[in-house]
Amino acid sequence: MKLLPLEFISGDGGFSTCPHHFKQVKRNCKAAIYERQSPNSNTKFWEVFKIHVLPKNTRIFQKILDDDEEQYPSNGKFGISAWCVTTLERANQRFEEISN
């Protein structure tokens, strides 16, 4: 299974005009917390979400997955199974809620 990366830059493929740096803070088999930092400031947010796995052979545009693959949540998942919070304390609270 392909796991979520420990760190990444949004828009690495050139799709973002204002890329953010993401760094995994905490995870278990059900949920994860990533710290998100803006490129032009020291402002930080924490994104907490339920880990979703796409099964092998799933088609994403022209690509077919060779293995099961964890996916970072899309914008449409925020407020449903992913949340952006302003403190690490709140991120840990939400993490515990969705891990149980």
PDB file of N, CA and C in Angstrom:
ATOM      1  N   MET A   1       0.841  -1.180   0.000  1.00  0.00           N
ATOM      2  CA  MET A   1       0.000   0.000   0.000  1.00  0.00           C
ATOM      3  C   MET A   1       0.888   1.246   0.000  1.00  0.00           C
ATOM      4  N   LYS A   2       0.470   2.215  -0.803  1.00  0.00           N
ATOM      5  CA  LYS A   2       1.188   3.484  -0.848  1.00  0.00           C
ATOM      6  C   LYS A   2       0.603   4.403   0.225  1.00  0.00           C
ATOM      7  N   LEU A   3       1.445   4.782   1.184  1.00  0.00           N
ATOM      8  CA  LEU A   3       1.024   5.633   2.289  1.00  0.00           C
ATOM      9  C   LEU A   3       1.117   7.114   1.920  1.00  0.00           C
ATOM     10  N   LEU A   4       0.439   7.927   2.693  1.00  0.00           N
ATOM     11  CA  LEU A   4       0.557   9.378   2.516  1.00  0.00           C
ATOM     12  C   LEU A   4       2.003   9.802   2.776  1.00  0.00           C
ATOM     13  N   PRO A   5       2.497  10.809   2.059  1.00  0.00           N
ATOM     14  CA  PRO A   5       3.871  11.257   2.302  1.00  0.00           C
ATOM     15  C   PRO A   5       3.999  11.946   3.658  1.00  0.00           C
ATOM     16  N   LEU A   6       5.195  11.907   4.234  1.00  0.00           N
ATOM     17  CA  LEU A   6       5.431  12.587   5.510  1.00  0.00           C
ATOM     18  C   LEU A   6       5.452  14.098   5.331  1.00  0.00           C
ATOM     19  N   GLU A   7       5.940  14.556   4.184  1.00  0.00           N
ATOM     20  CA  GLU A   7       5.962  15.984   3.861  1.00  0.00           C
ATOM     21  C   GLU A   7       5.743  16.156   2.369  1.00  0.00           C
ATOM     22  N   PHE A   8       5.096  17.262   1.998  1.00  0.00           N
ATOM     23  CA  PHE A   8       4.947  17.577   0.587  1.00  0.00           C
ATOM     24  C   PHE A   8       4.596  19.055   0.427  1.00  0.00           C
ATOM     25  N   ILE A   9       4.746  19.538  -0.784  1.00  0.00           N
ATOM     26  CA  ILE A   9       4.381  20.896  -1.150  1.00  0.00           C
ATOM     27  C   ILE A   9       3.154  20.801  -2.046  1.00  0.00           C
ATOM     28  N   SER A  10       2.101  21.563  -1.730  1.00  0.00           N
ATOM     29  CA  SER A  10       0.912  21.532  -2.583  1.00  0.00           C
ATOM     30  C   SER A  10       1.252  22.089  -3.950  1.00  0.00           C
ATOM     31  N   GLY A  11       0.647  21.529  -4.967  1.00  0.00           N
ATOM     32  CA  GLY A  11       0.886  22.016  -6.319  1.00  0.00           C
ATOM     33  C   GLY A  11       2.261  21.689  -6.851  1.00  0.00           C
ATOM     34  N   ASP A  12       2.882  20.609  -6.353  1.00  0.00           N
ATOM     35  CA  ASP A  12       4.221  20.223  -6.832  1.00  0.00           C
ATOM     36  C   ASP A  12       4.260  20.053  -8.346  1.00  0.00           C
ATOM     37  N   GLY A  13       3.110  19.741  -8.934  1.00  0.00           N
ATOM     38  CA  GLY A  13       3.065  19.561 -10.382  1.00  0.00           C
ATOM     39  C   GLY A  13       2.895  20.873 -11.131  1.00  0.00           C
ATOM     40  N   GLY A  14       2.979  22.005 -10.422  1.00  0.00           N
ATOM     41  CA  GLY A  14       2.867  23.305 -11.070  1.00  0.00           C
ATOM     42  C   GLY A  14       1.442  23.824 -11.133  1.00  0.00           C
ATOM     43  N   PHE A  15       0.537  23.226 -10.352  1.00  0.00           N
ATOM     44  CA  PHE A  15      -0.872  23.595 -10.411  1.00  0.00           C
ATOM     45  C   PHE A  15      -1.254  24.700  -9.430  1.00  0.00           C
ATOM     46  N   SER A  16      -0.358  25.081  -8.534  1.00  0.00           N
ATOM     47  CA  SER A  16      -0.705  26.063  -7.511  1.00  0.00           C
ATOM     48  C   SER A  16       0.127  27.325  -7.668  1.00  0.00           C
ATOM     49  N   THR A  17      -0.529  28.470  -7.555  1.00  0.00           N
ATOM     50  CA  THR A  17       0.200  29.740  -7.619  1.00  0.00           C
ATOM     51  C   THR A  17       0.690  30.152  -6.233  1.00  0.00           C
ATOM     52  N   CYS A  18       0.177  29.509  -5.191  1.00  0.00           N
ATOM     53  CA  CYS A  18       0.569  29.811  -3.819  1.00  0.00           C
ATOM     54  C   CYS A  18       0.705  28.497  -3.044  1.00  0.00           C
ATOM     55  N   PRO A  19       1.769  27.738  -3.318  1.00  0.00           N
ATOM     56  CA  PRO A  19       1.896  26.420  -2.696  1.00  0.00           C
ATOM     57  C   PRO A  19       2.110  26.496  -1.183  1.00  0.00           C
ATOM     58  N   HIS A  20       1.586  25.510  -0.482  1.00  0.00           N
ATOM     59  CA  HIS A  20       1.751  25.392   0.958  1.00  0.00           C
ATOM     60  C   HIS A  20       2.626  24.188   1.272  1.00  0.00           C
ATOM     61  N   HIS A  21       3.294  24.255   2.424  1.00  0.00           N
ATOM     62  CA  HIS A  21       4.109  23.147   2.900  1.00  0.00           C
ATOM     63  C   HIS A  21       3.277  22.344   3.889  1.00  0.00           C
ATOM     64  N   PHE A  22       3.200  21.023   3.684  1.00  0.00           N
ATOM     65  CA  PHE A  22       2.454  20.127   4.556  1.00  0.00           C
ATOM     66  C   PHE A  22       3.422  19.157   5.215  1.00  0.00           C
ATOM     67  N   LYS A  23       3.226  18.946   6.516  1.00  0.00           N
ATOM     68  CA  LYS A  23       4.097  18.041   7.270  1.00  0.00           C
ATOM     69  C   LYS A  23       3.236  17.203   8.215  1.00  0.00           C
ATOM     70  N   GLN A  24       3.391  15.881   8.126  1.00  0.00           N
ATOM     71  CA  GLN A  24       2.615  14.992   8.984  1.00  0.00           C
ATOM     72  C   GLN A  24       3.050  15.151  10.434  1.00  0.00           C
ATOM     73  N   VAL A  25       2.070  15.368  11.312  1.00  0.00           N
ATOM     74  CA  VAL A  25       2.328  15.563  12.737  1.00  0.00           C
ATOM     75  C   VAL A  25       1.999  14.294  13.519  1.00  0.00           C
ATOM     76  N   LYS A  26       0.907  13.630  13.106  1.00  0.00           N
ATOM     77  CA  LYS A  26       0.424  12.477  13.857  1.00  0.00           C
ATOM     78  C   LYS A  26      -0.457  11.641  12.936  1.00  0.00           C
ATOM     79  N   ARG A  27      -0.453  10.319  13.162  1.00  0.00           N
ATOM     80  CA  ARG A  27      -1.352   9.461  12.397  1.00  0.00           C
ATOM     81  C   ARG A  27      -1.527   8.128  13.094  1.00  0.00           C
ATOM     82  N   ASN A  28      -2.610   7.476  12.768  1.00  0.00           N
ATOM     83  CA  ASN A  28      -2.829   6.088  13.137  1.00  0.00           C
ATOM     84  C   ASN A  28      -3.473   5.430  11.921  1.00  0.00           C
ATOM     85  N   CYS A  29      -4.074   4.276  12.074  1.00  0.00           N
ATOM     86  CA  CYS A  29      -4.650   3.601  10.905  1.00  0.00           C
ATOM     87  C   CYS A  29      -5.942   4.251  10.418  1.00  0.00           C
ATOM     88  N   LYS A  30      -6.563   5.130  11.221  1.00  0.00           N
ATOM     89  CA  LYS A  30      -7.834   5.746  10.855  1.00  0.00           C
ATOM     90  C   LYS A  30      -7.747   7.220  10.491  1.00  0.00           C
ATOM     91  N   ALA A  31      -6.785   7.947  11.074  1.00  0.00           N
ATOM     92  CA  ALA A  31      -6.768   9.408  10.936  1.00  0.00           C
ATOM     93  C   ALA A  31      -5.345   9.950  10.872  1.00  0.00           C
ATOM     94  N   ALA A  32      -5.255  11.218  10.439  1.00  0.00           N
ATOM     95  CA  ALA A  32      -3.952  11.876  10.361  1.00  0.00           C
ATOM     96  C   ALA A  32      -4.108  13.364  10.649  1.00  0.00           C
ATOM     97  N   ILE A  33      -3.013  13.961  11.120  1.00  0.00           N
ATOM     98  CA  ILE A  33      -2.920  15.414  11.293  1.00  0.00           C
ATOM     99  C   ILE A  33      -1.724  15.881  10.477  1.00  0.00           C
ATOM    100  N   TYR A  34      -1.945  16.910   9.658  1.00  0.00           N
ATOM    101  CA  TYR A  34      -0.866  17.554   8.918  1.00  0.00           C
ATOM    102  C   TYR A  34      -0.830  19.033   9.285  1.00  0.00           C
ATOM    103  N   GLU A  35       0.380  19.537   9.514  1.00  0.00           N
ATOM    104  CA  GLU A  35       0.578  20.971   9.703  1.00  0.00           C
ATOM    105  C   GLU A  35       0.690  21.598   8.320  1.00  0.00           C
ATOM    106  N   ARG A  36      -0.038  22.690   8.098  1.00  0.00           N
ATOM    107  CA  ARG A  36       0.002  23.401   6.810  1.00  0.00           C
ATOM    108  C   ARG A  36       0.538  24.799   7.055  1.00  0.00           C
ATOM    109  N   GLN A  37       1.608  25.143   6.341  1.00  0.00           N
ATOM    110  CA  GLN A  37       2.203  26.469   6.498  1.00  0.00           C
ATOM    111  C   GLN A  37       2.179  27.211   5.173  1.00  0.00           C
ATOM    112  N   SER A  38       1.765  28.475   5.248  1.00  0.00           N
ATOM    113  CA  SER A  38       1.737  29.332   4.059  1.00  0.00           C
ATOM    114  C   SER A  38       3.152  29.682   3.644  1.00  0.00           C
ATOM    115  N   PRO A  39       3.393  29.842   2.341  1.00  0.00           N
ATOM    116  CA  PRO A  39       4.750  30.120   1.866  1.00  0.00           C
ATOM    117  C   PRO A  39       5.252  31.518   2.203  1.00  0.00           C
ATOM    118  N   ASN A  40       4.346  32.472   2.352  1.00  0.00           N
ATOM    119  CA  ASN A  40       4.767  33.858   2.546  1.00  0.00           C
ATOM    120  C   ASN A  40       4.613  34.358   3.977  1.00  0.00           C
ATOM    121  N   SER A  41       4.341  33.450   4.906  1.00  0.00           N
ATOM    122  CA  SER A  41       4.190  33.866   6.301  1.00  0.00           C
ATOM    123  C   SER A  41       4.477  32.682   7.213  1.00  0.00           C
ATOM    124  N   ASN A  42       4.474  32.964   8.489  1.00  0.00           N
ATOM    125  CA  ASN A  42       4.650  31.890   9.475  1.00  0.00           C
ATOM    126  C   ASN A  42       3.315  31.348   9.964  1.00  0.00           C
ATOM    127  N   THR A  43       2.234  31.710   9.290  1.00  0.00           N
ATOM    128  CA  THR A  43       0.906  31.252   9.667  1.00  0.00           C
ATOM    129  C   THR A  43       0.805  29.743   9.477  1.00  0.00           C
ATOM    130  N   LYS A  44       0.315  29.076  10.522  1.00  0.00           N
ATOM    131  CA  LYS A  44       0.151  27.617  10.468  1.00  0.00           C
ATOM    132  C   LYS A  44      -1.286  27.253  10.758  1.00  0.00           C
ATOM    133  N   PHE A  45      -1.733  26.204  10.102  1.00  0.00           N
ATOM    134  CA  PHE A  45      -3.022  25.578  10.364  1.00  0.00           C
ATOM    135  C   PHE A  45      -2.770  24.086  10.459  1.00  0.00           C
ATOM    136  N   TRP A  46      -3.746  23.360  10.996  1.00  0.00           N
ATOM    137  CA  TRP A  46      -3.633  21.911  11.089  1.00  0.00           C
ATOM    138  C   TRP A  46      -4.831  21.287  10.398  1.00  0.00           C
ATOM    139  N   GLU A  47      -4.553  20.345   9.526  1.00  0.00           N
ATOM    140  CA  GLU A  47      -5.609  19.642   8.813  1.00  0.00           C
ATOM    141  C   GLU A  47      -5.715  18.235   9.393  1.00  0.00           C
ATOM    142  N   VAL A  48      -6.903  17.900   9.854  1.00  0.00           N
ATOM    143  CA  VAL A  48      -7.184  16.616  10.489  1.00  0.00           C
ATOM    144  C   VAL A  48      -8.195  15.891   9.608  1.00  0.00           C
ATOM    145  N   PHE A  49      -7.956  14.630   9.348  1.00  0.00           N
ATOM    146  CA  PHE A  49      -8.878  13.916   8.457  1.00  0.00           C
ATOM    147  C   PHE A  49      -8.853  12.416   8.666  1.00  0.00           C
ATOM    148  N   LYS A  50      -9.970  11.803   8.252  1.00  0.00           N
ATOM    149  CA  LYS A  50     -10.049  10.349   8.201  1.00  0.00           C
ATOM    150  C   LYS A  50      -9.268   9.900   6.980  1.00  0.00           C
ATOM    151  N   ILE A  51      -8.454   8.890   7.143  1.00  0.00           N
ATOM    152  CA  ILE A  51      -7.658   8.377   6.026  1.00  0.00           C
ATOM    153  C   ILE A  51      -8.556   7.549   5.111  1.00  0.00           C
ATOM    154  N   HIS A  52      -8.519   7.878   3.835  1.00  0.00           N
ATOM    155  CA  HIS A  52      -9.301   7.182   2.820  1.00  0.00           C
ATOM    156  C   HIS A  52      -8.335   6.432   1.897  1.00  0.00           C
ATOM    157  N   VAL A  53      -8.646   5.182   1.615  1.00  0.00           N
ATOM    158  CA  VAL A  53      -7.784   4.361   0.757  1.00  0.00           C
ATOM    159  C   VAL A  53      -8.514   4.053  -0.544  1.00  0.00           C
ATOM    160  N   LEU A  54      -7.858   4.372  -1.651  1.00  0.00           N
ATOM    161  CA  LEU A  54      -8.371   3.977  -2.964  1.00  0.00           C
ATOM    162  C   LEU A  54      -7.807   2.602  -3.289  1.00  0.00           C
ATOM    163  N   PRO A  55      -8.650   1.673  -3.725  1.00  0.00           N
ATOM    164  CA  PRO A  55      -8.164   0.323  -4.016  1.00  0.00           C
ATOM    165  C   PRO A  55      -7.359   0.245  -5.310  1.00  0.00           C
ATOM    166  N   LYS A  56      -6.510  -0.764  -5.351  1.00  0.00           N
ATOM    167  CA  LYS A  56      -5.734  -1.082  -6.549  1.00  0.00           C
ATOM    168  C   LYS A  56      -6.665  -1.144  -7.757  1.00  0.00           C
ATOM    169  N   ASN A  57      -6.169  -0.718  -8.895  1.00  0.00           N
ATOM    170  CA  ASN A  57      -6.882  -0.700 -10.175  1.00  0.00           C
ATOM    171  C   ASN A  57      -7.902   0.431 -10.309  1.00  0.00           C
ATOM    172  N   THR A  58      -7.950   1.353  -9.326  1.00  0.00           N
ATOM    173  CA  THR A  58      -8.800   2.531  -9.457  1.00  0.00           C
ATOM    174  C   THR A  58      -8.208   3.447 -10.515  1.00  0.00           C
ATOM    175  N   ARG A  59      -9.059   3.981 -11.368  1.00  0.00           N
ATOM    176  CA  ARG A  59      -8.598   4.910 -12.405  1.00  0.00           C
ATOM    177  C   ARG A  59      -8.727   6.340 -11.887  1.00  0.00           C
ATOM    178  N   ILE A  60      -7.622   7.091 -11.961  1.00  0.00           N
ATOM    179  CA  ILE A  60      -7.603   8.521 -11.647  1.00  0.00           C
ATOM    180  C   ILE A  60      -7.117   9.225 -12.894  1.00  0.00           C
ATOM    181  N   PHE A  61      -8.036   9.876 -13.589  1.00  0.00           N
ATOM    182  CA  PHE A  61      -7.764  10.467 -14.898  1.00  0.00           C
ATOM    183  C   PHE A  61      -7.209   9.380 -15.816  1.00  0.00           C
ATOM    184  N   GLN A  62      -5.981   9.501 -16.273  1.00  0.00           N
ATOM    185  CA  GLN A  62      -5.411   8.496 -17.175  1.00  0.00           C
ATOM    186  C   GLN A  62      -4.568   7.454 -16.455  1.00  0.00           C
ATOM    187  N   LYS A  63      -4.467   7.578 -15.132  1.00  0.00           N
ATOM    188  CA  LYS A  63      -3.629   6.673 -14.350  1.00  0.00           C
ATOM    189  C   LYS A  63      -4.488   5.586 -13.697  1.00  0.00           C
ATOM    190  N   ILE A  64      -3.988   4.356 -13.693  1.00  0.00           N
ATOM    191  CA  ILE A  64      -4.624   3.257 -12.978  1.00  0.00           C
ATOM    192  C   ILE A  64      -3.680   2.869 -11.839  1.00  0.00           C
ATOM    193  N   LEU A  65      -4.190   2.867 -10.611  1.00  0.00           N
ATOM    194  CA  LEU A  65      -3.351   2.589  -9.450  1.00  0.00           C
ATOM    195  C   LEU A  65      -2.818   1.161  -9.472  1.00  0.00           C
ATOM    196  N   ASP A  66      -1.511   1.017  -9.241  1.00  0.00           N
ATOM    197  CA  ASP A  66      -0.863  -0.287  -9.195  1.00  0.00           C
ATOM    198  C   ASP A  66      -1.045  -0.975  -7.845  1.00  0.00           C
ATOM    199  N   ASP A  67      -1.396  -0.187  -6.822  1.00  0.00           N
ATOM    200  CA  ASP A  67      -1.511  -0.709  -5.467  1.00  0.00           C
ATOM    201  C   ASP A  67      -2.580   0.111  -4.737  1.00  0.00           C
ATOM    202  N   ASP A  68      -3.045  -0.372  -3.588  1.00  0.00           N
ATOM    203  CA  ASP A  68      -3.919   0.443  -2.759  1.00  0.00           C
ATOM    204  C   ASP A  68      -3.161   1.722  -2.405  1.00  0.00           C
ATOM    205  N   GLU A  69      -3.872   2.837  -2.307  1.00  0.00           N
ATOM    206  CA  GLU A  69      -3.190   4.114  -2.102  1.00  0.00           C
ATOM    207  C   GLU A  69      -4.003   5.037  -1.194  1.00  0.00           C
ATOM    208  N   GLU A  70      -3.354   5.522  -0.123  1.00  0.00           N
ATOM    209  CA  GLU A  70      -3.995   6.501   0.744  1.00  0.00           C
ATOM    210  C   GLU A  70      -4.081   7.835   0.005  1.00  0.00           C
ATOM    211  N   GLN A  71      -5.200   8.539   0.204  1.00  0.00           N
ATOM    212  CA  GLN A  71      -5.423   9.802  -0.485  1.00  0.00           C
ATOM    213  C   GLN A  71      -5.572  10.945   0.510  1.00  0.00           C
ATOM    214  N   TYR A  72      -4.923  12.070   0.215  1.00  0.00           N
ATOM    215  CA  TYR A  72      -5.143  13.285   0.993  1.00  0.00           C
ATOM    216  C   TYR A  72      -6.533  13.787   0.616  1.00  0.00           C
ATOM    217  N   PRO A  73      -7.300  14.323   1.566  1.00  0.00           N
ATOM    218  CA  PRO A  73      -8.673  14.719   1.245  1.00  0.00           C
ATOM    219  C   PRO A  73      -8.750  15.858   0.227  1.00  0.00           C
ATOM    220  N   SER A  74      -9.758  15.783  -0.626  1.00  0.00           N
ATOM    221  CA  SER A  74     -10.017  16.860  -1.582  1.00  0.00           C
ATOM    222  C   SER A  74     -10.769  17.977  -0.858  1.00  0.00           C
ATOM    223  N   ASN A  75     -10.879  19.121  -1.494  1.00  0.00           N
ATOM    224  CA  ASN A  75     -11.581  20.258  -0.893  1.00  0.00           C
ATOM    225  C   ASN A  75     -13.001  19.902  -0.469  1.00  0.00           C
ATOM    226  N   GLY A  76     -13.680  19.052  -1.239  1.00  0.00           N
ATOM    227  CA  GLY A  76     -15.048  18.676  -0.945  1.00  0.00           C
ATOM    228  C   GLY A  76     -15.219  17.849   0.315  1.00  0.00           C
ATOM    229  N   LYS A  77     -14.138  17.278   0.841  1.00  0.00           N
ATOM    230  CA  LYS A  77     -14.210  16.457   2.053  1.00  0.00           C
ATOM    231  C   LYS A  77     -14.146  17.300   3.328  1.00  0.00           C
ATOM    232  N   PHE A  78     -13.677  18.563   3.207  1.00  0.00           N
ATOM    233  CA  PHE A  78     -13.545  19.396   4.398  1.00  0.00           C
ATOM    234  C   PHE A  78     -14.921  19.770   4.928  1.00  0.00           C
ATOM    235  N   GLY A  79     -15.085  19.538   6.242  1.00  0.00           N
ATOM    236  CA  GLY A  79     -16.371  19.727   6.892  1.00  0.00           C
ATOM    237  C   GLY A  79     -17.156  18.434   6.996  1.00  0.00           C
ATOM    238  N   ILE A  80     -16.711  17.388   6.280  1.00  0.00           N
ATOM    239  CA  ILE A  80     -17.384  16.086   6.300  1.00  0.00           C
ATOM    240  C   ILE A  80     -16.494  15.041   6.984  1.00  0.00           C
ATOM    241  N   SER A  81     -15.320  14.819   6.408  1.00  0.00           N
ATOM    242  CA  SER A  81     -14.376  13.860   6.991  1.00  0.00           C
ATOM    243  C   SER A  81     -12.981  14.458   7.136  1.00  0.00           C
ATOM    244  N   ALA A  82     -12.870  15.776   6.928  1.00  0.00           N
ATOM    245  CA  ALA A  82     -11.613  16.505   7.083  1.00  0.00           C
ATOM    246  C   ALA A  82     -11.925  17.890   7.637  1.00  0.00           C
ATOM    247  N   TRP A  83     -11.017  18.398   8.458  1.00  0.00           N
ATOM    248  CA  TRP A  83     -11.227  19.698   9.083  1.00  0.00           C
ATOM    249  C   TRP A  83      -9.913  20.459   9.144  1.00  0.00           C
ATOM    250  N   CYS A  84      -9.993  21.769   9.006  1.00  0.00           N
ATOM    251  CA  CYS A  84      -8.841  22.650   9.146  1.00  0.00           C
ATOM    252  C   CYS A  84      -9.063  23.460  10.417  1.00  0.00           C
ATOM    253  N   VAL A  85      -8.123  23.385  11.347  1.00  0.00           N
ATOM    254  CA  VAL A  85      -8.259  24.070  12.633  1.00  0.00           C
ATOM    255  C   VAL A  85      -7.051  24.958  12.880  1.00  0.00           C
ATOM    256  N   THR A  86      -7.211  25.882  13.838  1.00  0.00           N
ATOM    257  CA  THR A  86      -6.171  26.897  14.052  1.00  0.00           C
ATOM    258  C   THR A  86      -5.206  26.591  15.183  1.00  0.00           C
ATOM    259  N   THR A  87      -5.457  25.510  15.942  1.00  0.00           N
ATOM    260  CA  THR A  87      -4.516  25.144  17.008  1.00  0.00           C
ATOM    261  C   THR A  87      -4.233  23.648  16.969  1.00  0.00           C
ATOM    262  N   LEU A  88      -3.046  23.294  17.391  1.00  0.00           N
ATOM    263  CA  LEU A  88      -2.682  21.876  17.474  1.00  0.00           C
ATOM    264  C   LEU A  88      -3.528  21.176  18.536  1.00  0.00           C
ATOM    265  N   GLU A  89      -3.878  21.887  19.589  1.00  0.00           N
ATOM    266  CA  GLU A  89      -4.732  21.310  20.634  1.00  0.00           C
ATOM    267  C   GLU A  89      -6.078  20.877  20.044  1.00  0.00           C
ATOM    268  N   ARG A  90      -6.696  21.745  19.250  1.00  0.00           N
ATOM    269  CA  ARG A  90      -7.983  21.408  18.634  1.00  0.00           C
ATOM    270  C   ARG A  90      -7.812  20.264  17.622  1.00  0.00           C
ATOM    271  N   ALA A  91      -6.684  20.261  16.922  1.00  0.00           N
ATOM    272  CA  ALA A  91      -6.408  19.178  15.974  1.00  0.00           C
ATOM    273  C   ALA A  91      -6.340  17.837  16.699  1.00  0.00           C
ATOM    274  N   ASN A  92      -5.667  17.807  17.842  1.00  0.00           N
ATOM    275  CA  ASN A  92      -5.571  16.568  18.615  1.00  0.00           C
ATOM    276  C   ASN A  92      -6.926  16.127  19.148  1.00  0.00           C
ATOM    277  N   GLN A  93      -7.767  17.077  19.558  1.00  0.00           N
ATOM    278  CA  GLN A  93      -9.118  16.733  20.014  1.00  0.00           C
ATOM    279  C   GLN A  93      -9.916  16.068  18.885  1.00  0.00           C
ATOM    280  N   ARG A  94      -9.894  16.682  17.705  1.00  0.00           N
ATOM    281  CA  ARG A  94     -10.627  16.140  16.561  1.00  0.00           C
ATOM    282  C   ARG A  94     -10.062  14.777  16.168  1.00  0.00           C
ATOM    283  N   PHE A  95      -8.741  14.650  16.205  1.00  0.00           N
ATOM    284  CA  PHE A  95      -8.071  13.390  15.897  1.00  0.00           C
ATOM    285  C   PHE A  95      -8.600  12.273  16.788  1.00  0.00           C
ATOM    286  N   GLU A  96      -8.699  12.551  18.091  1.00  0.00           N
ATOM    287  CA  GLU A  96      -9.198  11.541  19.045  1.00  0.00           C
ATOM    288  C   GLU A  96     -10.659  11.210  18.750  1.00  0.00           C
ATOM    289  N   GLU A  97     -11.468  12.221  18.400  1.00  0.00           N
ATOM    290  CA  GLU A  97     -12.879  11.986  18.091  1.00  0.00           C
ATOM    291  C   GLU A  97     -13.049  11.054  16.895  1.00  0.00           C
ATOM    292  N   ILE A  98     -12.288  11.280  15.839  1.00  0.00           N
ATOM    293  CA  ILE A  98     -12.479  10.462  14.639  1.00  0.00           C
ATOM    294  C   ILE A  98     -11.720   9.143  14.664  1.00  0.00           C
ATOM    295  N   SER A  99     -10.815   8.996  15.630  1.00  0.00           N
ATOM    296  CA  SER A  99     -10.068   7.743  15.764  1.00  0.00           C
ATOM    297  C   SER A  99     -10.861   6.684  16.518  1.00  0.00           C
ATOM    298  N   ASN A 100     -11.848   7.111  17.256  1.00  0.00           N
ATOM    299  CA  ASN A 100     -12.647   6.160  18.060  1.00  0.00           C
ATOM    300  C   ASN A 100     -13.854   5.658  17.316  1.00  0.00           C
TER     301      ASN A 100
END
